Amino acid sequence: MANSASGESLITRFDRVLDAFGPARPELTFREICAATGLPSSTVHRILGDMKRARWLESGSAQTYRVGTRLWELASRAASAENLAAVAIPFMSDVHAVLRQHVHVGVIEGHDVLFAERIAASDSAVPLRSIVAGRLPLHRSATGLALLCHCSDEFIAQYHDAAAARAVADEPGGALVGKERFAADLRVFAQRGYAIQRERIDEGSGGVAVPLKVPPGHRAAALGAVLPLSDMRDPDVSAIVQTLRVAGHGISRALGTF
């Protein structure tokens, strides 16, 4: 693969262009892509031409570019997340019918939870920040914490260091707790078999999540619900956990774990 003068491969430069797009920026102009990637305009011009011919990008409105359907086709072949989403959706619908709140399922991806599917409750009093194929740092959501609590002590320590380094002062829920307290909280979650997050994303909202049992070779996954804090008092949490566990067991069976 041809390298640029900076030593970057063509694939790396393609990735930089794709990374410029997101939920808040579904369409970008040529100049916006240049600014977001930091690549020379001549390089961006060549790359955009190549990506359009390959249908990785397509023309949007008003001389903009957007991610093309070819990438959606390729992404749909990603067996782990795609299979999980297809299997999980009927059980997630059951959880939504019982709780009448947001429900999502995610897998661990580095230091983030990658959301494979979600069901939004239109009448919920709290917002849903997760999006399909979107990410959140593991400690910011109950789904992420349910994944993180089953990781090795070494990974947890490394994660805490990285999260503390990138944390911002005005992060919802306040500063990240110390490493020992963080590890202790995760041990409690692991022992209980579920994780809770309160006001790490939005004031007045929180989450409850349970880990899923997945077949060998699959990334760790978890099922979670986003709720108002008023719905997260005992014994309410116990009922939420039981609902998630029943659905989680169904997902695991459908994945062929049992």
C-alpha atoms as a PDB file:
ATOM      1  CA  MET A   1       0.000   0.000   0.000  1.00  0.00           C
ATOM      2  CA  ALA A   2       1.467   3.335  -1.071  1.00  0.00           C
ATOM      3  CA  ASN A   3       2.695   5.581   1.713  1.00  0.00           C
ATOM      4  CA  SER A   4       2.519   9.365   1.893  1.00  0.00           C
ATOM      5  CA  ALA A   5       5.498  11.627   2.524  1.00  0.00           C
ATOM      6  CA  SER A   6       4.604  11.437   6.221  1.00  0.00           C
ATOM      7  CA  GLY A   7       4.829   7.642   6.110  1.00  0.00           C
ATOM      8  CA  GLU A   8       1.077   7.065   6.426  1.00  0.00           C
ATOM      9  CA  SER A   9      -0.407   4.264   4.362  1.00  0.00           C
ATOM     10  CA  LEU A  10      -3.311   4.906   2.026  1.00  0.00           C
ATOM     11  CA  ILE A  11      -5.609   2.914   4.308  1.00  0.00           C
ATOM     12  CA  THR A  12      -4.605   5.124   7.242  1.00  0.00           C
ATOM     13  CA  ARG A  13      -5.478   8.237   5.253  1.00  0.00           C
ATOM     14  CA  PHE A  14      -8.791   6.698   4.181  1.00  0.00           C
ATOM     15  CA  ASP A  15      -9.507   6.009   7.844  1.00  0.00           C
ATOM     16  CA  ARG A  16      -8.756   9.613   8.775  1.00  0.00           C
ATOM     17  CA  VAL A  17     -11.289  10.796   6.215  1.00  0.00           C
ATOM     18  CA  LEU A  18     -13.973   8.388   7.438  1.00  0.00           C
ATOM     19  CA  ASP A  19     -13.287   9.346  11.046  1.00  0.00           C
ATOM     20  CA  ALA A  20     -14.186  12.945  10.204  1.00  0.00           C
ATOM     21  CA  PHE A  21     -17.831  11.900   9.811  1.00  0.00           C
ATOM     22  CA  GLY A  22     -20.101  11.214  12.756  1.00  0.00           C
ATOM     23  CA  PRO A  23     -23.659  11.512  14.109  1.00  0.00           C
ATOM     24  CA  ALA A  24     -23.258  15.272  14.471  1.00  0.00           C
ATOM     25  CA  ARG A  25     -21.490  15.557  11.103  1.00  0.00           C
ATOM     26  CA  PRO A  26     -23.202  13.185   8.644  1.00  0.00           C
ATOM     27  CA  GLU A  27     -22.293  15.398   5.684  1.00  0.00           C
ATOM     28  CA  LEU A  28     -19.098  17.410   5.200  1.00  0.00           C
ATOM     29  CA  THR A  29     -17.774  19.785   2.575  1.00  0.00           C
ATOM     30  CA  PHE A  30     -14.369  19.395   0.967  1.00  0.00           C
ATOM     31  CA  ARG A  31     -12.920  22.149   3.159  1.00  0.00           C
ATOM     32  CA  GLU A  32     -14.390  20.621   6.313  1.00  0.00           C
ATOM     33  CA  ILE A  33     -12.783  17.274   5.487  1.00  0.00           C
ATOM     34  CA  CYS A  34      -9.430  18.976   4.897  1.00  0.00           C
ATOM     35  CA  ALA A  35      -9.701  20.752   8.250  1.00  0.00           C
ATOM     36  CA  ALA A  36     -10.794  17.626  10.134  1.00  0.00           C
ATOM     37  CA  THR A  37      -8.070  15.382   8.703  1.00  0.00           C
ATOM     38  CA  GLY A  38      -5.208  17.866   8.513  1.00  0.00           C
ATOM     39  CA  LEU A  39      -4.305  16.430   5.114  1.00  0.00           C
ATOM     40  CA  PRO A  40      -3.227  18.604   2.164  1.00  0.00           C
ATOM     41  CA  SER A  41      -6.091  19.616  -0.113  1.00  0.00           C
ATOM     42  CA  SER A  42      -4.509  17.860  -3.102  1.00  0.00           C
ATOM     43  CA  THR A  43      -4.301  14.620  -1.104  1.00  0.00           C
ATOM     44  CA  VAL A  44      -7.892  14.940   0.090  1.00  0.00           C
ATOM     45  CA  HIS A  45      -9.046  15.571  -3.476  1.00  0.00           C
ATOM     46  CA  ARG A  46      -7.411  12.335  -4.695  1.00  0.00           C
ATOM     47  CA  ILE A  47      -8.672  10.319  -1.749  1.00  0.00           C
ATOM     48  CA  LEU A  48     -12.244  11.557  -2.117  1.00  0.00           C
ATOM     49  CA  GLY A  49     -12.186  10.583  -5.785  1.00  0.00           C
ATOM     50  CA  ASP A  50     -10.933   7.093  -4.941  1.00  0.00           C
ATOM     51  CA  MET A  51     -13.469   6.668  -2.139  1.00  0.00           C
ATOM     52  CA  LYS A  52     -16.375   7.786  -4.317  1.00  0.00           C
ATOM     53  CA  ARG A  53     -15.385   5.346  -7.054  1.00  0.00           C
ATOM     54  CA  ALA A  54     -15.283   2.574  -4.468  1.00  0.00           C
ATOM     55  CA  ARG A  55     -18.657   3.776  -3.084  1.00  0.00           C
ATOM     56  CA  TRP A  56     -17.160   4.313   0.363  1.00  0.00           C
ATOM     57  CA  LEU A  57     -18.372   7.900   0.041  1.00  0.00           C
ATOM     58  CA  GLU A  58     -21.158   9.451  -1.980  1.00  0.00           C
ATOM     59  CA  SER A  59     -22.329  12.945  -2.827  1.00  0.00           C
ATOM     60  CA  GLY A  60     -24.605  14.598  -0.315  1.00  0.00           C
ATOM     61  CA  SER A  61     -26.613  17.780  -0.613  1.00  0.00           C
ATOM     62  CA  ALA A  62     -25.106  21.182  -1.438  1.00  0.00           C
ATOM     63  CA  GLN A  63     -21.674  19.932  -2.552  1.00  0.00           C
ATOM     64  CA  THR A  64     -21.068  17.750   0.482  1.00  0.00           C
ATOM     65  CA  TYR A  65     -19.900  14.180   1.008  1.00  0.00           C
ATOM     66  CA  ARG A  66     -21.404  11.459   3.174  1.00  0.00           C
ATOM     67  CA  VAL A  67     -20.545   7.854   4.015  1.00  0.00           C
ATOM     68  CA  GLY A  68     -21.609   5.544   1.191  1.00  0.00           C
ATOM     69  CA  THR A  69     -23.826   2.475   1.242  1.00  0.00           C
ATOM     70  CA  ARG A  70     -20.897   0.239   0.311  1.00  0.00           C
ATOM     71  CA  LEU A  71     -19.464   0.689   3.792  1.00  0.00           C
ATOM     72  CA  TRP A  72     -22.815  -0.247   5.291  1.00  0.00           C
ATOM     73  CA  GLU A  73     -22.774  -3.413   3.175  1.00  0.00           C
ATOM     74  CA  LEU A  74     -19.282  -4.286   4.369  1.00  0.00           C
ATOM     75  CA  ALA A  75     -20.036  -3.446   7.993  1.00  0.00           C
ATOM     76  CA  SER A  76     -23.100  -5.697   7.936  1.00  0.00           C
ATOM     77  CA  ARG A  77     -20.744  -8.640   7.417  1.00  0.00           C
ATOM     78  CA  ALA A  78     -19.022  -8.007  10.751  1.00  0.00           C
ATOM     79  CA  ALA A  79     -20.314 -11.193  12.336  1.00  0.00           C
ATOM     80  CA  SER A  80     -19.835 -10.433  16.028  1.00  0.00           C
ATOM     81  CA  ALA A  81     -21.697  -7.141  16.470  1.00  0.00           C
ATOM     82  CA  GLU A  82     -24.145  -7.737  13.622  1.00  0.00           C
ATOM     83  CA  ASN A  83     -25.096 -11.211  14.815  1.00  0.00           C
ATOM     84  CA  LEU A  84     -25.487  -9.949  18.370  1.00  0.00           C
ATOM     85  CA  ALA A  85     -27.781  -7.140  17.218  1.00  0.00           C
ATOM     86  CA  ALA A  86     -29.973  -9.471  15.160  1.00  0.00           C
ATOM     87  CA  VAL A  87     -30.246 -11.992  17.986  1.00  0.00           C
ATOM     88  CA  ALA A  88     -30.757  -9.429  20.747  1.00  0.00           C
ATOM     89  CA  ILE A  89     -33.486  -7.239  19.264  1.00  0.00           C
ATOM     90  CA  PRO A  90     -36.509  -9.481  20.133  1.00  0.00           C
ATOM     91  CA  PHE A  91     -35.341  -9.795  23.731  1.00  0.00           C
ATOM     92  CA  MET A  92     -34.586  -6.083  23.920  1.00  0.00           C
ATOM     93  CA  SER A  93     -38.149  -5.452  22.760  1.00  0.00           C
ATOM     94  CA  ASP A  94     -39.392  -7.531  25.692  1.00  0.00           C
ATOM     95  CA  VAL A  95     -37.300  -5.466  28.115  1.00  0.00           C
ATOM     96  CA  HIS A  96     -38.610  -2.261  26.570  1.00  0.00           C
ATOM     97  CA  ALA A  97     -42.203  -3.492  26.893  1.00  0.00           C
ATOM     98  CA  VAL A  98     -41.706  -4.173  30.605  1.00  0.00           C
ATOM     99  CA  LEU A  99     -39.593  -1.174  31.623  1.00  0.00           C
ATOM    100  CA  ARG A 100     -40.864   1.387  29.089  1.00  0.00           C
ATOM    101  CA  GLN A 101     -37.353   2.837  29.024  1.00  0.00           C
ATOM    102  CA  HIS A 102     -34.351   2.925  26.688  1.00  0.00           C
ATOM    103  CA  VAL A 103     -32.560  -0.386  26.101  1.00  0.00           C
ATOM    104  CA  HIS A 104     -29.256  -1.081  24.374  1.00  0.00           C
ATOM    105  CA  VAL A 105     -26.700  -3.840  23.894  1.00  0.00           C
ATOM    106  CA  GLY A 106     -22.986  -3.311  23.416  1.00  0.00           C
ATOM    107  CA  VAL A 107     -19.638  -5.029  23.091  1.00  0.00           C
ATOM    108  CA  ILE A 108     -16.229  -4.076  24.414  1.00  0.00           C
ATOM    109  CA  GLU A 109     -13.965  -2.341  21.914  1.00  0.00           C
ATOM    110  CA  GLY A 110     -10.673  -1.251  23.417  1.00  0.00           C
ATOM    111  CA  HIS A 111     -11.472   1.252  26.174  1.00  0.00           C
ATOM    112  CA  ASP A 112     -14.999   1.857  24.874  1.00  0.00           C
ATOM    113  CA  VAL A 113     -18.356   0.164  24.715  1.00  0.00           C
ATOM    114  CA  LEU A 114     -19.473  -0.143  21.088  1.00  0.00           C
ATOM    115  CA  PHE A 115     -23.260  -0.190  20.859  1.00  0.00           C
ATOM    116  CA  ALA A 116     -24.575  -2.877  18.521  1.00  0.00           C
ATOM    117  CA  GLU A 117     -28.288  -2.109  18.850  1.00  0.00           C
ATOM    118  CA  ARG A 118     -30.695   0.057  20.820  1.00  0.00           C
ATOM    119  CA  ILE A 119     -34.397   0.696  21.352  1.00  0.00           C
ATOM    120  CA  ALA A 120     -35.337   4.236  22.343  1.00  0.00           C
ATOM    121  CA  ALA A 121     -38.384   4.939  24.501  1.00  0.00           C
ATOM    122  CA  SER A 122     -40.113   7.928  22.943  1.00  0.00           C
ATOM    123  CA  ASP A 123     -41.934   8.814  26.152  1.00  0.00           C
ATOM    124  CA  SER A 124     -38.940   8.466  28.493  1.00  0.00           C
ATOM    125  CA  ALA A 125     -38.083  11.416  30.723  1.00  0.00           C
ATOM    126  CA  VAL A 126     -34.350  10.915  30.130  1.00  0.00           C
ATOM    127  CA  PRO A 127     -32.285  11.181  26.928  1.00  0.00           C
ATOM    128  CA  LEU A 128     -30.543   8.262  25.240  1.00  0.00           C
ATOM    129  CA  ARG A 129     -26.989   9.115  24.227  1.00  0.00           C
ATOM    130  CA  SER A 130     -26.011   5.774  22.738  1.00  0.00           C
ATOM    131  CA  ILE A 131     -26.300   5.309  18.981  1.00  0.00           C
ATOM    132  CA  VAL A 132     -25.871   2.167  16.909  1.00  0.00           C
ATOM    133  CA  ALA A 133     -22.172   1.812  16.031  1.00  0.00           C
ATOM    134  CA  GLY A 134     -21.443   4.646  18.462  1.00  0.00           C
ATOM    135  CA  ARG A 135     -19.080   4.508  21.410  1.00  0.00           C
ATOM    136  CA  LEU A 136     -18.814   5.669  24.998  1.00  0.00           C
ATOM    137  CA  PRO A 137     -15.910   5.268  27.434  1.00  0.00           C
ATOM    138  CA  LEU A 138     -16.494   2.134  29.494  1.00  0.00           C
ATOM    139  CA  HIS A 139     -16.906   3.937  32.836  1.00  0.00           C
ATOM    140  CA  ARG A 140     -19.532   6.363  31.520  1.00  0.00           C
ATOM    141  CA  SER A 141     -22.331   3.804  31.096  1.00  0.00           C
ATOM    142  CA  ALA A 142     -23.667   0.862  33.069  1.00  0.00           C
ATOM    143  CA  THR A 143     -23.234  -1.295  29.966  1.00  0.00           C
ATOM    144  CA  GLY A 144     -19.558  -0.366  29.859  1.00  0.00           C
ATOM    145  CA  LEU A 145     -19.126  -1.013  33.580  1.00  0.00           C
ATOM    146  CA  ALA A 146     -20.758  -4.439  33.221  1.00  0.00           C
ATOM    147  CA  LEU A 147     -18.084  -5.217  30.629  1.00  0.00           C
ATOM    148  CA  LEU A 148     -15.208  -3.639  32.515  1.00  0.00           C
ATOM    149  CA  CYS A 149     -15.880  -5.404  35.815  1.00  0.00           C
ATOM    150  CA  HIS A 150     -14.999  -8.758  34.241  1.00  0.00           C
ATOM    151  CA  CYS A 151     -11.697  -7.568  32.764  1.00  0.00           C
ATOM    152  CA  SER A 152      -8.313  -8.374  34.289  1.00  0.00           C
ATOM    153  CA  ASP A 153      -6.899  -6.280  37.135  1.00  0.00           C
ATOM    154  CA  GLU A 154      -4.125  -5.147  34.807  1.00  0.00           C
ATOM    155  CA  PHE A 155      -6.582  -3.953  32.162  1.00  0.00           C
ATOM    156  CA  ILE A 156      -8.684  -2.139  34.767  1.00  0.00           C
ATOM    157  CA  ALA A 157      -5.615  -0.336  36.133  1.00  0.00           C
ATOM    158  CA  GLN A 158      -4.528   0.658  32.628  1.00  0.00           C
ATOM    159  CA  TYR A 159      -8.040   1.797  31.804  1.00  0.00           C
ATOM    160  CA  HIS A 160      -8.251   3.956  34.924  1.00  0.00           C
ATOM    161  CA  ASP A 161      -4.960   5.660  34.105  1.00  0.00           C
ATOM    162  CA  ALA A 162      -6.092   6.391  30.555  1.00  0.00           C
ATOM    163  CA  ALA A 163      -9.573   7.549  31.602  1.00  0.00           C
ATOM    164  CA  ALA A 164      -8.199   9.807  34.323  1.00  0.00           C
ATOM    165  CA  ALA A 165      -5.768  11.362  31.846  1.00  0.00           C
ATOM    166  CA  ARG A 166      -8.494  12.190  29.325  1.00  0.00           C
ATOM    167  CA  ALA A 167     -11.213  13.190  31.816  1.00  0.00           C
ATOM    168  CA  VAL A 168     -12.491  16.734  31.638  1.00  0.00           C
ATOM    169  CA  ALA A 169     -13.241  18.856  34.666  1.00  0.00           C
ATOM    170  CA  ASP A 170     -16.927  19.301  33.837  1.00  0.00           C
ATOM    171  CA  GLU A 171     -17.608  15.627  33.127  1.00  0.00           C
ATOM    172  CA  PRO A 172     -21.081  14.680  34.387  1.00  0.00           C
ATOM    173  CA  GLY A 173     -20.952  12.860  37.708  1.00  0.00           C
ATOM    174  CA  GLY A 174     -17.771  14.577  38.801  1.00  0.00           C
ATOM    175  CA  ALA A 175     -14.180  13.457  38.627  1.00  0.00           C
ATOM    176  CA  LEU A 176     -13.262   9.798  38.206  1.00  0.00           C
ATOM    177  CA  VAL A 177     -12.768   8.154  41.605  1.00  0.00           C
ATOM    178  CA  GLY A 178      -9.335   6.935  42.698  1.00  0.00           C
ATOM    179  CA  LYS A 179      -7.897   3.725  41.295  1.00  0.00           C
ATOM    180  CA  GLU A 180      -8.453   1.615  44.428  1.00  0.00           C
ATOM    181  CA  ARG A 181     -12.062   2.763  44.836  1.00  0.00           C
ATOM    182  CA  PHE A 182     -12.666   2.257  41.118  1.00  0.00           C
ATOM    183  CA  ALA A 183     -11.383  -1.335  41.269  1.00  0.00           C
ATOM    184  CA  ALA A 184     -13.376  -2.014  44.451  1.00  0.00           C
ATOM    185  CA  ASP A 185     -16.604  -0.776  42.856  1.00  0.00           C
ATOM    186  CA  LEU A 186     -16.004  -3.031  39.858  1.00  0.00           C
ATOM    187  CA  ARG A 187     -15.445  -6.034  42.144  1.00  0.00           C
ATOM    188  CA  VAL A 188     -18.830  -5.348  43.741  1.00  0.00           C
ATOM    189  CA  PHE A 189     -20.464  -5.206  40.314  1.00  0.00           C
ATOM    190  CA  ALA A 190     -18.816  -8.497  39.326  1.00  0.00           C
ATOM    191  CA  GLN A 191     -19.985 -10.185  42.541  1.00  0.00           C
ATOM    192  CA  ARG A 192     -23.547  -8.921  42.175  1.00  0.00           C
ATOM    193  CA  GLY A 193     -23.731  -9.802  38.508  1.00  0.00           C
ATOM    194  CA  TYR A 194     -24.907  -6.367  37.388  1.00  0.00           C
ATOM    195  CA  ALA A 195     -23.576  -2.813  37.153  1.00  0.00           C
ATOM    196  CA  ILE A 196     -25.135   0.545  37.987  1.00  0.00           C
ATOM    197  CA  GLN A 197     -24.223   3.999  36.706  1.00  0.00           C
ATOM    198  CA  ARG A 198     -25.692   7.201  38.081  1.00  0.00           C
ATOM    199  CA  GLU A 199     -25.470  10.604  36.391  1.00  0.00           C
ATOM    200  CA  ARG A 200     -22.281   9.891  34.464  1.00  0.00           C
ATOM    201  CA  ILE A 201     -23.849  11.096  31.237  1.00  0.00           C
ATOM    202  CA  ASP A 202     -26.873  13.227  32.132  1.00  0.00           C
ATOM    203  CA  GLU A 203     -28.169  14.643  35.395  1.00  0.00           C
ATOM    204  CA  GLY A 204     -31.209  12.817  36.657  1.00  0.00           C
ATOM    205  CA  SER A 205     -30.529   9.652  34.684  1.00  0.00           C
ATOM    206  CA  GLY A 206     -28.619   6.453  35.190  1.00  0.00           C
ATOM    207  CA  GLY A 207     -28.327   2.920  33.941  1.00  0.00           C
ATOM    208  CA  VAL A 208     -28.424  -0.727  34.942  1.00  0.00           C
ATOM    209  CA  ALA A 209     -26.728  -3.469  32.911  1.00  0.00           C
ATOM    210  CA  VAL A 210     -25.946  -7.170  33.029  1.00  0.00           C
ATOM    211  CA  PRO A 211     -23.149  -9.044  31.243  1.00  0.00           C
ATOM    212  CA  LEU A 212     -24.057 -11.562  28.556  1.00  0.00           C
ATOM    213  CA  LYS A 213     -22.599 -15.022  28.173  1.00  0.00           C
ATOM    214  CA  VAL A 214     -21.206 -15.209  24.633  1.00  0.00           C
ATOM    215  CA  PRO A 215     -19.650 -18.051  22.616  1.00  0.00           C
ATOM    216  CA  PRO A 216     -15.853 -18.430  22.487  1.00  0.00           C
ATOM    217  CA  GLY A 217     -14.252 -15.994  20.082  1.00  0.00           C
ATOM    218  CA  HIS A 218     -16.940 -13.341  20.546  1.00  0.00           C
ATOM    219  CA  ARG A 219     -16.252 -10.036  22.231  1.00  0.00           C
ATOM    220  CA  ALA A 220     -17.651  -9.552  25.730  1.00  0.00           C
ATOM    221  CA  ALA A 221     -21.166  -8.099  25.575  1.00  0.00           C
ATOM    222  CA  ALA A 222     -23.677  -6.559  27.965  1.00  0.00           C
ATOM    223  CA  LEU A 223     -27.346  -5.568  27.971  1.00  0.00           C
ATOM    224  CA  GLY A 224     -28.402  -2.340  29.640  1.00  0.00           C
ATOM    225  CA  ALA A 225     -31.275   0.034  30.300  1.00  0.00           C
ATOM    226  CA  VAL A 226     -31.204   3.819  30.728  1.00  0.00           C
ATOM    227  CA  LEU A 227     -33.658   5.160  33.277  1.00  0.00           C
ATOM    228  CA  PRO A 228     -34.568   8.138  35.474  1.00  0.00           C
ATOM    229  CA  LEU A 229     -32.871   8.010  38.874  1.00  0.00           C
ATOM    230  CA  SER A 230     -36.328   7.891  40.454  1.00  0.00           C
ATOM    231  CA  ASP A 231     -36.738   4.402  38.955  1.00  0.00           C
ATOM    232  CA  MET A 232     -33.432   3.176  40.372  1.00  0.00           C
ATOM    233  CA  ARG A 233     -34.291   2.773  44.041  1.00  0.00           C
ATOM    234  CA  ASP A 234     -34.509  -0.586  45.802  1.00  0.00           C
ATOM    235  CA  PRO A 235     -36.528  -2.697  45.237  1.00  0.00           C
ATOM    236  CA  ASP A 236     -36.947  -1.112  41.795  1.00  0.00           C
ATOM    237  CA  VAL A 237     -33.376  -1.990  40.807  1.00  0.00           C
ATOM    238  CA  SER A 238     -33.950  -5.645  41.680  1.00  0.00           C
ATOM    239  CA  ALA A 239     -36.914  -5.790  39.314  1.00  0.00           C
ATOM    240  CA  ILE A 240     -34.904  -4.067  36.565  1.00  0.00           C
ATOM    241  CA  VAL A 241     -32.004  -6.476  37.044  1.00  0.00           C
ATOM    242  CA  GLN A 242     -34.307  -9.492  36.903  1.00  0.00           C
ATOM    243  CA  THR A 243     -35.897  -8.241  33.677  1.00  0.00           C
ATOM    244  CA  LEU A 244     -32.474  -7.724  32.103  1.00  0.00           C
ATOM    245  CA  ARG A 245     -31.225 -11.116  33.303  1.00  0.00           C
ATOM    246  CA  VAL A 246     -34.166 -12.979  31.794  1.00  0.00           C
ATOM    247  CA  ALA A 247     -33.611 -11.222  28.470  1.00  0.00           C
ATOM    248  CA  GLY A 248     -29.857 -11.717  28.724  1.00  0.00           C
ATOM    249  CA  HIS A 249     -30.299 -15.433  29.274  1.00  0.00           C
ATOM    250  CA  GLY A 250     -32.493 -15.576  26.176  1.00  0.00           C
ATOM    251  CA  ILE A 251     -29.885 -13.734  24.110  1.00  0.00           C
ATOM    252  CA  SER A 252     -27.143 -16.057  25.321  1.00  0.00           C
ATOM    253  CA  ARG A 253     -29.216 -19.135  24.452  1.00  0.00           C
ATOM    254  CA  ALA A 254     -29.952 -17.739  20.999  1.00  0.00           C
ATOM    255  CA  LEU A 255     -26.236 -17.134  20.467  1.00  0.00           C
ATOM    256  CA  GLY A 256     -25.659 -20.823  21.162  1.00  0.00           C
ATOM    257  CA  THR A 257     -23.931 -20.353  24.506  1.00  0.00           C
ATOM    258  CA  PHE A 258     -26.142 -22.783  26.404  1.00  0.00           C
END
